[in-house]
Amino acid sequence: MPSPAHDSDRILATANAAMTDQRLARTTGPSIGGRSRALKRQHLLGRIRRMVLGVIGVIIAAIGLGLAVDGIGFAGLFYTVLAAVLVAALLLRYPRLKVPTRQQLAHGSLKSTVGNTELWLESQRPALPAPAIRLIDQIGVQLDALGLQLDQVDEKQPAAAEIRKLVGEHLPDLVSTYTAIPARLRTEPRAGGTPGEQLIEGLGRISGEVDSVTRQLASGKIDDLAIRTRYLDYKYGAAPVGGEPPA
């Protein structure tokens, strides 16, 4: 049977791993926008609340056991502390924040589409070239600015469908088309440029569209909102999975 000291070392190591995991989440996965940052914060606060409730549950169970058997003694107190540490470590580490799938991005409210798209883009950053990552970071800031204007957009208006298509479909489709191309083919010139260059060009156009939409909403021109996505439809809309963008 493992000794109390061995159990203590094992559980403290688990707790330390949980804290390390939290630090890594903050340093290796920077948020590209305020909305994704808020979703992460909300998820972390939820885990902290569950941790506190779990520790309280352990304490209440120990008190109940002590009343039932007329005290739990030093050993019981020791294992109660170990159980509380273990519960705290596990509930701080799990459940992990679930990144939405590409198919889920265009569903839900416009604001949730913006936040979920930011989270999804963050998960794609490691597979993108450096210039594209800079554009993704720029688009994250622009999506935050767009989010501030969405209160005035009725979900039933045509403008809502245009915004949802741009943010929840065209942007992730463009990135997914690039990441579906085998890494060894991403730098090969074809159709007037490499897939990486085409990705950067497409992200630049989407960045311009997001800025244009934000400005139109800010000026109250909701009825005049028109997103110019014909280029993206033509350039990336028919790209086969695992293949190259059409010429």
Protein backbone atom coordinates (compact mmCIF):
# COMPACT_ATOMS: atom_id res chain seq x y z
CA MET A 1 0.00 0.00 0.00
CA PRO A 2 1.47 3.38 -0.95
CA SER A 3 2.64 5.50 1.98
CA PRO A 4 0.98 8.88 2.81
CA ALA A 5 4.22 10.63 1.84
CA HIS A 6 4.17 8.91 -1.57
CA ASP A 7 0.52 9.91 -2.10
CA SER A 8 1.32 13.47 -1.07
CA ASP A 9 4.19 13.73 -3.57
CA ARG A 10 2.07 12.27 -6.38
CA ILE A 11 -0.90 14.57 -5.74
CA LEU A 12 1.25 17.66 -5.34
CA ALA A 13 2.95 16.79 -8.65
CA THR A 14 -0.50 16.58 -10.27
CA ALA A 15 -1.42 19.97 -8.87
CA ASN A 16 1.85 21.44 -10.14
CA ALA A 17 1.16 19.98 -13.61
CA ALA A 18 -2.24 21.63 -13.60
CA MET A 19 -0.72 25.03 -12.81
CA THR A 20 1.92 24.48 -15.51
CA ASP A 21 -0.85 23.68 -17.98
CA GLN A 22 -2.55 26.98 -17.13
CA ARG A 23 0.68 28.91 -17.70
CA LEU A 24 1.30 27.19 -21.03
CA ALA A 25 -2.23 27.98 -22.15
CA ARG A 26 -1.53 31.65 -21.54
CA THR A 27 1.89 31.74 -23.19
CA THR A 28 1.63 29.39 -26.18
CA GLY A 29 -1.92 30.21 -27.26
CA PRO A 30 -2.25 34.01 -27.33
CA SER A 31 -5.69 35.37 -28.05
CA ILE A 32 -6.10 37.22 -31.32
CA GLY A 33 -9.12 39.14 -30.09
CA GLY A 34 -11.08 40.25 -27.06
CA ARG A 35 -14.00 37.92 -27.72
CA SER A 36 -11.91 34.75 -27.77
CA ARG A 37 -10.09 36.03 -24.68
CA ALA A 38 -13.45 36.52 -22.95
CA LEU A 39 -14.51 32.96 -23.86
CA LYS A 40 -11.29 31.59 -22.38
CA ARG A 41 -11.74 33.67 -19.24
CA GLN A 42 -15.32 32.48 -18.87
CA HIS A 43 -14.21 28.87 -19.26
CA LEU A 44 -11.44 29.31 -16.67
CA LEU A 45 -13.82 30.92 -14.17
CA GLY A 46 -16.18 28.00 -14.65
CA ARG A 47 -13.39 25.56 -13.82
CA ILE A 48 -12.46 27.58 -10.74
CA ARG A 49 -16.07 27.55 -9.54
CA ARG A 50 -16.25 23.78 -10.02
CA MET A 51 -12.95 23.41 -8.16
CA VAL A 52 -14.22 25.41 -5.18
CA LEU A 53 -17.45 23.40 -5.06
CA GLY A 54 -15.48 20.16 -5.32
CA VAL A 55 -13.19 21.08 -2.43
CA ILE A 56 -16.17 22.16 -0.34
CA GLY A 57 -17.81 18.82 -1.14
CA VAL A 58 -14.73 16.94 0.11
CA ILE A 59 -14.71 18.95 3.32
CA ILE A 60 -18.42 18.42 3.92
CA ALA A 61 -18.01 14.67 3.30
CA ALA A 62 -15.11 14.53 5.78
CA ILE A 63 -17.14 16.40 8.41
CA GLY A 64 -20.09 14.06 7.87
CA LEU A 65 -17.85 11.01 8.18
CA GLY A 66 -16.26 12.43 11.33
CA LEU A 67 -19.65 12.97 12.94
CA ALA A 68 -20.74 9.46 12.00
CA VAL A 69 -17.66 7.66 13.39
CA ASP A 70 -16.90 10.11 16.22
CA GLY A 71 -13.86 11.69 14.59
CA ILE A 72 -11.57 10.84 11.70
CA GLY A 73 -8.27 11.34 13.50
CA PHE A 74 -5.00 12.63 12.10
CA ALA A 75 -4.89 10.07 9.28
CA GLY A 76 -8.41 10.99 8.20
CA LEU A 77 -7.52 14.68 8.23
CA PHE A 78 -4.38 13.97 6.19
CA TYR A 79 -6.29 12.06 3.51
CA THR A 80 -8.99 14.72 3.49
CA VAL A 81 -6.37 17.32 2.59
CA LEU A 82 -4.92 15.03 -0.07
CA ALA A 83 -8.36 14.41 -1.53
CA ALA A 84 -9.07 18.14 -1.60
CA VAL A 85 -5.78 18.82 -3.40
CA LEU A 86 -6.46 16.06 -5.93
CA VAL A 87 -9.99 17.29 -6.63
CA ALA A 88 -8.72 20.87 -6.99
CA ALA A 89 -5.96 19.81 -9.40
CA LEU A 90 -8.27 17.75 -11.59
CA LEU A 91 -11.05 20.33 -11.74
CA LEU A 92 -8.57 23.11 -12.53
CA ARG A 93 -7.18 21.09 -15.43
CA TYR A 94 -10.37 19.65 -16.89
CA PRO A 95 -12.55 20.00 -18.87
CA ARG A 96 -10.42 21.65 -21.54
CA LEU A 97 -11.78 24.48 -23.63
CA LYS A 98 -13.34 22.93 -26.72
CA VAL A 99 -12.49 24.72 -29.95
CA PRO A 100 -15.54 24.86 -32.25
CA THR A 101 -15.37 22.99 -35.54
CA ARG A 102 -15.42 24.87 -38.83
CA GLN A 103 -18.98 23.67 -39.45
CA GLN A 104 -20.14 25.18 -36.13
CA LEU A 105 -18.79 28.66 -36.76
CA ALA A 106 -21.70 30.02 -38.81
CA HIS A 107 -24.31 28.87 -36.28
CA GLY A 108 -25.59 30.76 -33.26
CA SER A 109 -25.76 34.52 -32.80
CA LEU A 110 -23.54 36.90 -34.75
CA LYS A 111 -21.54 37.70 -31.62
CA SER A 112 -20.96 34.01 -30.90
CA THR A 113 -19.88 33.55 -34.53
CA VAL A 114 -17.26 36.28 -34.08
CA GLY A 115 -15.93 34.80 -30.82
CA ASN A 116 -15.93 31.22 -32.05
CA THR A 117 -14.19 32.21 -35.28
CA GLU A 118 -11.46 33.93 -33.26
CA LEU A 119 -10.98 30.76 -31.19
CA TRP A 120 -10.88 28.62 -34.32
CA LEU A 121 -8.37 30.91 -36.03
CA GLU A 122 -6.10 30.72 -32.99
CA SER A 123 -6.08 26.93 -33.29
CA GLN A 124 -4.99 27.21 -36.94
CA ARG A 125 -2.13 29.66 -36.41
CA PRO A 126 0.66 27.01 -36.03
CA ALA A 127 -0.02 25.73 -39.57
CA LEU A 128 0.15 29.15 -41.24
CA PRO A 129 3.14 31.07 -42.63
CA ALA A 130 4.38 34.06 -40.64
CA PRO A 131 2.85 36.75 -42.92
CA ALA A 132 -0.53 35.01 -42.68
CA ILE A 133 -0.26 34.86 -38.88
CA ARG A 134 0.25 38.62 -38.79
CA LEU A 135 -2.85 39.06 -40.94
CA ILE A 136 -4.82 36.70 -38.69
CA ASP A 137 -3.81 38.79 -35.67
CA GLN A 138 -4.90 41.92 -37.54
CA ILE A 139 -8.22 40.34 -38.46
CA GLY A 140 -8.74 39.41 -34.80
CA VAL A 141 -8.54 43.08 -33.83
CA GLN A 142 -10.90 43.96 -36.69
CA LEU A 143 -13.39 41.30 -35.58
CA ASP A 144 -13.47 42.90 -32.14
CA ALA A 145 -14.27 46.24 -33.72
CA LEU A 146 -16.96 44.57 -35.84
CA GLY A 147 -18.41 42.93 -32.73
CA LEU A 148 -18.98 46.34 -31.16
CA GLN A 149 -21.26 47.23 -34.08
CA LEU A 150 -23.36 44.06 -34.08
CA ASP A 151 -25.88 45.28 -31.49
CA GLN A 152 -27.55 47.33 -34.18
CA VAL A 153 -27.87 44.40 -36.59
CA ASP A 154 -31.13 42.46 -36.47
CA GLU A 155 -30.41 38.74 -36.94
CA LYS A 156 -33.23 38.65 -39.51
CA GLN A 157 -31.79 41.41 -41.69
CA PRO A 158 -29.96 40.53 -44.92
CA ALA A 159 -26.92 42.27 -43.44
CA ALA A 160 -26.73 39.59 -40.74
CA ALA A 161 -26.52 36.84 -43.34
CA GLU A 162 -23.78 38.75 -45.19
CA ILE A 163 -21.71 39.17 -42.02
CA ARG A 164 -22.21 35.55 -40.98
CA LYS A 165 -21.09 34.35 -44.41
CA LEU A 166 -17.97 36.52 -44.36
CA VAL A 167 -16.89 35.71 -40.80
CA GLY A 168 -18.25 32.19 -40.34
CA GLU A 169 -17.79 30.78 -43.85
CA HIS A 170 -15.43 32.65 -46.20
CA LEU A 171 -12.69 33.34 -43.65
CA PRO A 172 -12.48 29.79 -42.21
CA ASP A 173 -12.96 28.23 -45.66
CA LEU A 174 -9.97 30.19 -46.95
CA VAL A 175 -7.75 29.03 -44.07
CA SER A 176 -9.02 25.44 -44.27
CA THR A 177 -8.31 25.29 -48.00
CA TYR A 178 -4.68 26.22 -47.32
CA THR A 179 -4.18 23.83 -44.38
CA ALA A 180 -5.69 20.97 -46.44
CA ILE A 181 -2.82 21.28 -48.92
CA PRO A 182 0.12 18.96 -48.07
CA ALA A 183 2.91 20.96 -46.43
CA ARG A 184 5.42 20.02 -49.14
CA LEU A 185 3.18 21.59 -51.82
CA ARG A 186 2.44 24.88 -50.06
CA THR A 187 5.52 26.62 -51.46
CA GLU A 188 5.27 25.33 -55.03
CA PRO A 189 4.32 28.02 -57.57
CA ARG A 190 1.13 27.34 -59.48
CA ALA A 191 -1.77 29.35 -60.88
CA GLY A 192 0.20 32.57 -60.66
CA GLY A 193 1.53 32.10 -57.12
CA THR A 194 2.17 29.65 -54.32
CA PRO A 195 -0.69 28.55 -52.04
CA GLY A 196 0.91 30.61 -49.27
CA GLU A 197 0.86 33.73 -51.43
CA GLN A 198 -2.75 33.06 -52.40
CA LEU A 199 -3.66 32.64 -48.73
CA ILE A 200 -2.06 35.96 -47.84
CA GLU A 201 -3.82 37.67 -50.74
CA GLY A 202 -7.16 36.21 -49.68
CA LEU A 203 -6.67 37.16 -46.03
CA GLY A 204 -5.80 40.68 -47.12
CA ARG A 205 -9.06 40.92 -49.06
CA ILE A 206 -11.08 39.56 -46.14
CA SER A 207 -9.36 42.01 -43.80
CA GLY A 208 -10.43 44.82 -46.11
CA GLU A 209 -14.00 43.50 -46.20
CA VAL A 210 -14.23 43.23 -42.41
CA ASP A 211 -13.01 46.82 -42.10
CA SER A 212 -15.47 47.97 -44.77
CA VAL A 213 -18.41 46.23 -43.06
CA THR A 214 -17.45 47.73 -39.70
CA ARG A 215 -17.32 51.22 -41.20
CA GLN A 216 -20.68 50.77 -42.93
CA LEU A 217 -22.31 49.62 -39.70
CA ALA A 218 -20.72 52.48 -37.76
CA SER A 219 -22.14 54.99 -40.24
CA GLY A 220 -25.60 53.43 -40.10
CA LYS A 221 -25.58 52.12 -43.66
CA ILE A 222 -26.97 48.71 -42.77
CA ASP A 223 -29.30 48.58 -45.76
CA ASP A 224 -26.42 49.32 -48.12
CA LEU A 225 -24.21 46.55 -46.76
CA ALA A 226 -22.75 44.49 -49.57
CA ILE A 227 -19.79 42.20 -49.10
CA ARG A 228 -17.66 41.68 -52.18
CA THR A 229 -16.91 37.96 -51.94
CA ARG A 230 -17.07 36.96 -55.59
CA TYR A 231 -13.27 36.78 -55.73
CA LEU A 232 -13.20 34.43 -52.74
CA ASP A 233 -16.01 32.29 -54.14
CA TYR A 234 -14.11 31.92 -57.41
CA LYS A 235 -10.62 31.52 -55.98
CA TYR A 236 -11.25 29.21 -53.03
CA GLY A 237 -14.89 28.15 -53.00
CA ALA A 238 -14.41 25.04 -55.13
CA ALA A 239 -11.09 23.90 -53.71
CA PRO A 240 -11.08 20.13 -53.11
CA VAL A 241 -10.06 18.88 -49.69
CA GLY A 242 -6.38 18.04 -49.72
CA GLY A 243 -5.89 19.64 -53.09
CA GLU A 244 -4.75 22.98 -54.38
CA PRO A 245 -6.89 26.08 -54.87
CA PRO A 246 -8.36 26.30 -58.32
CA ALA A 247 -6.64 28.61 -60.77
